[in-house]
N, C-alpha and C. Protein backbone atom coordinates (compact mmCIF):
# COMPACT_ATOMS: atom_id res chain seq x y z
N MET A 1 0.64 -1.99 -34.71
CA MET A 1 1.03 -4.05 -34.90
C MET A 1 0.79 -3.57 -33.26
N LYS A 2 1.68 -3.24 -32.31
CA LYS A 2 1.25 -2.53 -30.41
C LYS A 2 -0.66 -3.66 -30.74
N SER A 3 -1.39 -2.61 -30.95
CA SER A 3 -2.82 -2.93 -30.63
C SER A 3 -3.37 -4.70 -31.11
N ALA A 4 -2.75 -4.99 -32.31
CA ALA A 4 -3.11 -6.05 -32.71
C ALA A 4 -2.56 -7.36 -31.47
N LEU A 5 -1.66 -7.52 -30.61
CA LEU A 5 -0.59 -7.74 -29.86
C LEU A 5 -1.58 -7.82 -28.32
N LEU A 6 -1.93 -6.45 -28.75
CA LEU A 6 -2.74 -6.30 -26.90
C LEU A 6 -3.71 -7.31 -26.93
N PHE A 7 -4.19 -7.07 -28.50
CA PHE A 7 -5.74 -7.64 -28.79
C PHE A 7 -5.98 -9.69 -28.75
N LEU A 8 -4.78 -9.89 -29.35
CA LEU A 8 -4.45 -11.71 -29.66
C LEU A 8 -3.42 -11.41 -27.95
N VAL A 9 -3.16 -11.34 -26.97
CA VAL A 9 -2.94 -11.39 -25.48
C VAL A 9 -3.94 -11.28 -25.06
N PHE A 10 -5.04 -10.60 -24.72
CA PHE A 10 -6.49 -11.03 -24.27
C PHE A 10 -7.27 -11.34 -24.87
N ALA A 11 -7.09 -12.38 -25.91
CA ALA A 11 -8.38 -12.83 -26.73
C ALA A 11 -7.69 -14.20 -26.76
N SER A 12 -6.15 -14.55 -26.61
CA SER A 12 -5.93 -15.65 -26.16
C SER A 12 -6.18 -15.58 -24.54
N GLY A 13 -7.25 -15.09 -24.02
CA GLY A 13 -7.30 -14.94 -22.75
C GLY A 13 -5.86 -15.60 -21.34
N ALA A 14 -4.96 -15.21 -21.20
CA ALA A 14 -3.97 -14.46 -20.82
C ALA A 14 -3.33 -13.17 -20.62
N SER A 15 -5.21 -12.16 -19.70
CA SER A 15 -5.53 -11.80 -18.72
C SER A 15 -5.53 -12.37 -17.28
N ALA A 16 -5.93 -14.00 -17.67
CA ALA A 16 -6.16 -14.61 -16.46
C ALA A 16 -5.19 -15.01 -15.60
N PRO A 17 -5.87 -15.44 -14.52
CA PRO A 17 -4.69 -16.47 -13.69
C PRO A 17 -3.98 -17.61 -14.10
N ALA A 18 -2.73 -17.21 -14.00
CA ALA A 18 -1.53 -18.79 -14.96
C ALA A 18 -2.25 -20.16 -14.61
N ALA A 19 -2.70 -20.21 -13.07
CA ALA A 19 -2.75 -20.87 -12.44
C ALA A 19 -4.93 -21.56 -12.78
N GLY A 20 -5.34 -21.18 -13.09
CA GLY A 20 -6.58 -21.16 -14.01
C GLY A 20 -7.31 -20.69 -11.88
N CYS A 21 -6.19 -20.35 -10.93
CA CYS A 21 -6.99 -20.74 -9.65
C CYS A 21 -7.81 -19.12 -9.49
N VAL A 22 -9.19 -19.23 -9.93
CA VAL A 22 -10.84 -18.39 -9.61
C VAL A 22 -11.48 -18.15 -8.79
N ALA A 23 -12.10 -17.18 -8.22
CA ALA A 23 -13.04 -17.62 -7.30
C ALA A 23 -14.25 -17.10 -8.12
N PRO A 24 -15.93 -17.01 -6.98
CA PRO A 24 -17.05 -16.65 -7.34
C PRO A 24 -16.75 -15.30 -8.94
N GLY A 25 -17.23 -15.77 -9.36
CA GLY A 25 -17.79 -14.14 -10.72
C GLY A 25 -16.37 -14.10 -11.35
N GLY A 26 -15.25 -15.44 -11.07
CA GLY A 26 -14.58 -15.35 -12.28
C GLY A 26 -12.96 -14.53 -12.00
N ARG A 27 -13.21 -13.90 -10.76
CA ARG A 27 -11.53 -13.24 -10.28
C ARG A 27 -11.37 -13.63 -8.89
N PRO A 28 -9.77 -13.46 -8.68
CA PRO A 28 -8.85 -13.76 -8.02
C PRO A 28 -9.54 -13.53 -6.91
N GLY A 29 -9.94 -13.85 -5.34
CA GLY A 29 -9.85 -13.11 -4.64
C GLY A 29 -10.72 -14.07 -3.39
N PRO A 30 -11.31 -13.88 -2.96
CA PRO A 30 -11.71 -14.55 -1.90
C PRO A 30 -12.28 -15.05 -1.94
N GLY A 31 -13.20 -16.24 -1.21
CA GLY A 31 -14.83 -16.76 -1.77
C GLY A 31 -13.90 -18.63 -2.40
N PRO A 32 -15.13 -19.95 -2.80
CA PRO A 32 -13.86 -20.89 -3.12
C PRO A 32 -13.56 -20.98 -4.36
N ARG A 33 -12.16 -21.73 -4.50
CA ARG A 33 -11.76 -21.14 -5.51
C ARG A 33 -11.72 -23.07 -6.53
N TRP A 34 -11.13 -23.07 -8.01
CA TRP A 34 -11.29 -23.32 -8.56
C TRP A 34 -10.48 -24.58 -9.67
N GLY A 35 -9.86 -24.83 -10.13
CA GLY A 35 -8.78 -24.62 -11.14
C GLY A 35 -7.62 -26.28 -11.80
N ARG A 36 -7.13 -25.69 -11.54
CA ARG A 36 -5.99 -27.13 -12.27
C ARG A 36 -5.04 -27.10 -10.20
N ASP A 37 -4.76 -26.16 -9.79
CA ASP A 37 -4.42 -26.22 -8.33
C ASP A 37 -5.27 -26.46 -7.24
N ASP A 38 -6.14 -26.08 -7.56
CA ASP A 38 -7.29 -26.52 -6.09
C ASP A 38 -7.96 -27.47 -6.31
N THR A 39 -8.22 -27.76 -8.05
CA THR A 39 -9.72 -29.31 -8.06
C THR A 39 -8.68 -30.32 -8.69
N PRO A 40 -8.02 -31.19 -7.68
CA PRO A 40 -8.17 -32.90 -8.13
C PRO A 40 -8.60 -33.43 -9.16
N GLY A 41 -8.06 -33.87 -10.12
CA GLY A 41 -8.42 -34.20 -11.71
C GLY A 41 -8.20 -33.49 -12.61
N TRP A 42 -8.42 -31.68 -12.19
CA TRP A 42 -9.49 -31.05 -13.77
C TRP A 42 -8.96 -31.88 -14.87
N PRO A 43 -7.26 -32.03 -15.55
CA PRO A 43 -6.95 -32.17 -16.77
C PRO A 43 -8.60 -33.24 -17.23
N MET A 44 -8.64 -34.58 -15.82
CA MET A 44 -9.88 -35.60 -16.37
C MET A 44 -10.96 -34.80 -16.84
N MET A 45 -11.46 -33.88 -16.28
CA MET A 45 -13.01 -32.96 -16.16
C MET A 45 -13.08 -32.93 -17.83
N SER A 46 -14.38 -33.18 -17.55
CA SER A 46 -14.76 -32.52 -19.54
C SER A 46 -14.83 -30.49 -19.26
N ARG A 47 -14.26 -29.83 -20.78
CA ARG A 47 -15.69 -28.72 -19.77
C ARG A 47 -16.32 -28.47 -19.63
N GLU A 48 -17.46 -29.47 -19.33
CA GLU A 48 -19.30 -28.99 -19.51
C GLU A 48 -18.97 -29.37 -16.99
N GLU A 49 -18.49 -30.67 -17.37
CA GLU A 49 -17.70 -31.27 -15.90
C GLU A 49 -17.56 -29.86 -15.23
N ARG A 50 -16.46 -28.87 -15.64
CA ARG A 50 -15.52 -27.72 -15.60
C ARG A 50 -16.46 -27.04 -14.55
N GLN A 51 -17.24 -26.51 -15.56
CA GLN A 51 -18.49 -25.11 -14.99
C GLN A 51 -19.90 -25.57 -15.07
N THR A 52 -19.91 -26.97 -14.40
CA THR A 52 -20.70 -27.86 -12.98
C THR A 52 -19.58 -27.48 -11.89
N HIS A 53 -18.73 -27.79 -12.37
CA HIS A 53 -17.63 -27.64 -11.21
C HIS A 53 -18.13 -25.69 -10.46
N ARG A 54 -17.87 -25.57 -11.59
CA ARG A 54 -16.92 -24.02 -10.78
C ARG A 54 -19.01 -23.56 -10.31
N GLU A 55 -20.34 -23.97 -11.34
CA GLU A 55 -21.27 -23.71 -10.19
C GLU A 55 -21.38 -23.97 -8.56
N ARG A 56 -21.33 -25.35 -8.90
CA ARG A 56 -21.13 -25.90 -7.92
C ARG A 56 -20.28 -25.39 -6.59
N MET A 57 -18.86 -25.01 -6.67
CA MET A 57 -17.95 -24.12 -6.10
C MET A 57 -18.18 -22.79 -5.44
N SER A 58 -18.83 -21.95 -6.99
CA SER A 58 -20.05 -21.09 -6.14
C SER A 58 -20.97 -21.07 -5.03
N SER A 59 -21.17 -21.48 -5.44
CA SER A 59 -22.84 -22.20 -4.18
C SER A 59 -22.33 -22.41 -3.17
N PHE A 60 -21.45 -22.69 -2.36
CA PHE A 60 -21.47 -22.98 -1.26
C PHE A 60 -20.94 -21.78 -0.46
N LYS A 61 -22.26 -21.92 0.49
CA LYS A 61 -22.09 -20.46 1.49
C LYS A 61 -21.27 -20.71 2.94
N THR A 62 -20.57 -22.76 3.08
CA THR A 62 -20.03 -22.84 4.57
C THR A 62 -19.09 -23.73 4.11
N TYR A 63 -18.05 -24.12 4.76
CA TYR A 63 -16.84 -24.86 4.74
C TYR A 63 -17.07 -26.33 5.13
N GLU A 64 -18.32 -26.79 5.85
CA GLU A 64 -18.65 -27.66 5.60
C GLU A 64 -18.99 -28.93 4.05
N GLU A 65 -19.93 -27.82 3.95
CA GLU A 65 -20.88 -28.65 2.87
C GLU A 65 -20.03 -28.33 1.17
N CYS A 66 -19.03 -27.16 1.89
CA CYS A 66 -18.15 -27.04 0.17
C CYS A 66 -16.78 -28.69 0.72
N ARG A 67 -15.85 -28.51 1.59
CA ARG A 67 -15.68 -29.97 1.95
C ARG A 67 -16.09 -30.94 1.86
N ALA A 68 -17.28 -31.34 2.32
CA ALA A 68 -18.52 -33.00 1.43
C ALA A 68 -18.15 -33.04 0.01
N TYR A 69 -17.88 -31.98 -0.67
CA TYR A 69 -18.99 -32.01 -1.65
C TYR A 69 -16.59 -31.94 -2.59
N MET A 70 -15.90 -31.83 -1.55
CA MET A 70 -14.54 -31.85 -2.21
C MET A 70 -13.47 -32.93 -2.42
N ASP A 71 -14.42 -33.19 -0.89
CA ASP A 71 -14.50 -34.68 -0.85
C ASP A 71 -14.41 -36.23 -2.18
N GLU A 72 -15.87 -35.63 -1.46
CA GLU A 72 -16.74 -36.69 -2.95
C GLU A 72 -16.03 -37.19 -4.55
N HIS A 73 -16.19 -35.56 -4.65
CA HIS A 73 -14.82 -34.52 -6.32
C HIS A 73 -14.68 -35.18 -5.91
N HIS A 74 -13.11 -35.83 -5.35
CA HIS A 74 -11.96 -35.86 -4.70
C HIS A 74 -12.11 -37.66 -5.11
N GLN A 75 -13.44 -38.53 -4.38
CA GLN A 75 -12.95 -40.16 -4.76
C GLN A 75 -13.17 -39.86 -6.23
N GLN A 76 -14.69 -39.28 -6.84
CA GLN A 76 -14.95 -39.35 -8.33
C GLN A 76 -13.63 -39.96 -9.64
N MET A 77 -12.43 -38.56 -8.34
CA MET A 77 -11.77 -38.73 -9.57
C MET A 77 -11.12 -39.28 -9.02
N THR A 78 -9.85 -39.57 -8.21
CA THR A 78 -9.73 -40.62 -7.72
C THR A 78 -10.12 -42.36 -8.74
N ALA A 79 -11.83 -42.69 -8.75
CA ALA A 79 -11.69 -43.87 -9.41
C ALA A 79 -11.76 -44.10 -11.13
N ARG A 80 -11.42 -42.41 -11.25
CA ARG A 80 -11.47 -41.88 -13.06
C ARG A 80 -10.05 -42.44 -13.48
N ALA A 81 -9.08 -41.65 -12.08
CA ALA A 81 -7.99 -41.46 -12.66
C ALA A 81 -7.50 -43.70 -12.65
N LYS A 82 -7.92 -43.70 -11.81
CA LYS A 82 -8.09 -45.41 -11.73
C LYS A 82 -7.88 -46.04 -13.20
N GLU A 83 -8.92 -45.99 -13.53
CA GLU A 83 -9.80 -46.73 -14.45
C GLU A 83 -8.87 -46.44 -15.37
N ARG A 84 -8.81 -45.00 -15.33
CA ARG A 84 -7.54 -44.61 -17.19
C ARG A 84 -6.26 -44.96 -16.94
N GLY A 85 -6.18 -45.31 -15.90
CA GLY A 85 -4.81 -46.32 -15.53
C GLY A 85 -3.52 -44.80 -15.41
N ARG A 86 -3.95 -44.45 -14.87
CA ARG A 86 -3.50 -42.39 -14.79
C ARG A 86 -2.99 -42.08 -12.93
N ASP A 87 -1.95 -41.70 -12.53
CA ASP A 87 -1.82 -41.68 -10.96
C ASP A 87 -2.43 -39.89 -10.75
N MET A 88 -3.22 -40.01 -9.74
CA MET A 88 -4.19 -39.02 -9.22
C MET A 88 -3.36 -38.33 -8.02
N PRO A 89 -3.04 -37.28 -7.92
CA PRO A 89 -2.12 -36.04 -6.97
C PRO A 89 -3.21 -36.98 -5.44
N GLY A 90 -2.73 -37.22 -4.54
CA GLY A 90 -3.03 -36.94 -3.68
C GLY A 90 -3.89 -36.18 -3.27
N GLN A 91 -3.66 -35.00 -2.85
CA GLN A 91 -4.81 -33.63 -2.76
C GLN A 91 -4.06 -32.33 -2.90
N PRO A 92 -5.49 -31.74 -3.53
CA PRO A 92 -4.82 -29.97 -3.58
C PRO A 92 -4.14 -29.69 -3.21
N ARG A 93 -3.33 -28.76 -4.06
CA ARG A 93 -2.06 -27.80 -3.31
C ARG A 93 -2.95 -26.93 -1.98
N ARG A 94 -4.18 -26.52 -2.36
CA ARG A 94 -3.51 -26.07 -1.21
C ARG A 94 -6.15 -25.73 -0.21
N ASP A 95 -5.75 -25.89 0.42
CA ASP A 95 -7.72 -26.26 0.74
C ASP A 95 -8.32 -25.53 -0.16
N ALA A 96 -9.25 -25.52 -1.39
CA ALA A 96 -10.00 -24.24 -1.80
C ALA A 96 -11.21 -24.59 -1.21
N CYS A 97 -11.57 -24.56 -0.30
CA CYS A 97 -13.00 -24.33 0.77
C CYS A 97 -12.40 -23.67 1.29
N LEU A 98 -10.60 -23.23 2.32
CA LEU A 98 -10.27 -22.88 3.34
C LEU A 98 -11.01 -20.70 3.29
N PRO A 99 -10.99 -20.52 2.06
CA PRO A 99 -11.70 -18.85 1.47
C PRO A 99 -12.99 -19.11 2.62
N LEU A 100 -13.97 -20.49 3.13
CA LEU A 100 -15.70 -19.74 3.61
C LEU A 100 -15.40 -20.76 5.33
N LYS A 101 -14.09 -20.55 5.68
CA LYS A 101 -14.19 -21.40 7.14
C LYS A 101 -14.33 -20.43 8.06
N PRO A 102 -14.39 -20.19 8.86
CA PRO A 102 -14.79 -18.78 9.50
C PRO A 102 -13.51 -18.91 10.17
N LYS A 103 -13.15 -18.03 10.33
CA LYS A 103 -12.26 -17.05 10.99
C LYS A 103 -11.99 -17.31 12.44
N GLN A 104 -10.90 -17.90 13.11
CA GLN A 104 -11.18 -17.46 14.62
C GLN A 104 -11.71 -16.73 15.72
N GLY A 105 -12.55 -16.11 16.76
CA GLY A 105 -12.69 -15.35 17.73
C GLY A 105 -13.10 -14.44 16.43
N ALA A 106 -14.02 -14.64 15.45
CA ALA A 106 -14.39 -14.12 13.99
C ALA A 106 -16.04 -13.68 15.16
N ALA A 107 -17.29 -12.62 15.40
CA ALA A 107 -17.96 -13.01 15.48
C ALA A 107 -19.48 -13.49 14.30
N ARG A 108 -20.03 -14.16 15.23
CA ARG A 108 -21.47 -14.99 13.68
C ARG A 108 -22.44 -14.60 13.89
């Protein structure tokens, strides 16, 4: 019974971070992030759009290109929310691109 319960927990995806916030490779940690907490409009995106968004977010090499994409994405989701008569959060809870930002004083 215990092993069947564990199987159900893992099969349901309960082992993933609760907020769906992951970095490249599908694990929490350094790198750009995506998910409900980091991506404005996540609930309005289709499964395919989410996959494309994850791929884009994991491809960025610089903070600047990540921020440019996130700003464009936010504009698109704001327009989508307006079309659907929904409220759109102002900005994500955290900067999804921050892990790509060079640390001050770090050698380049």
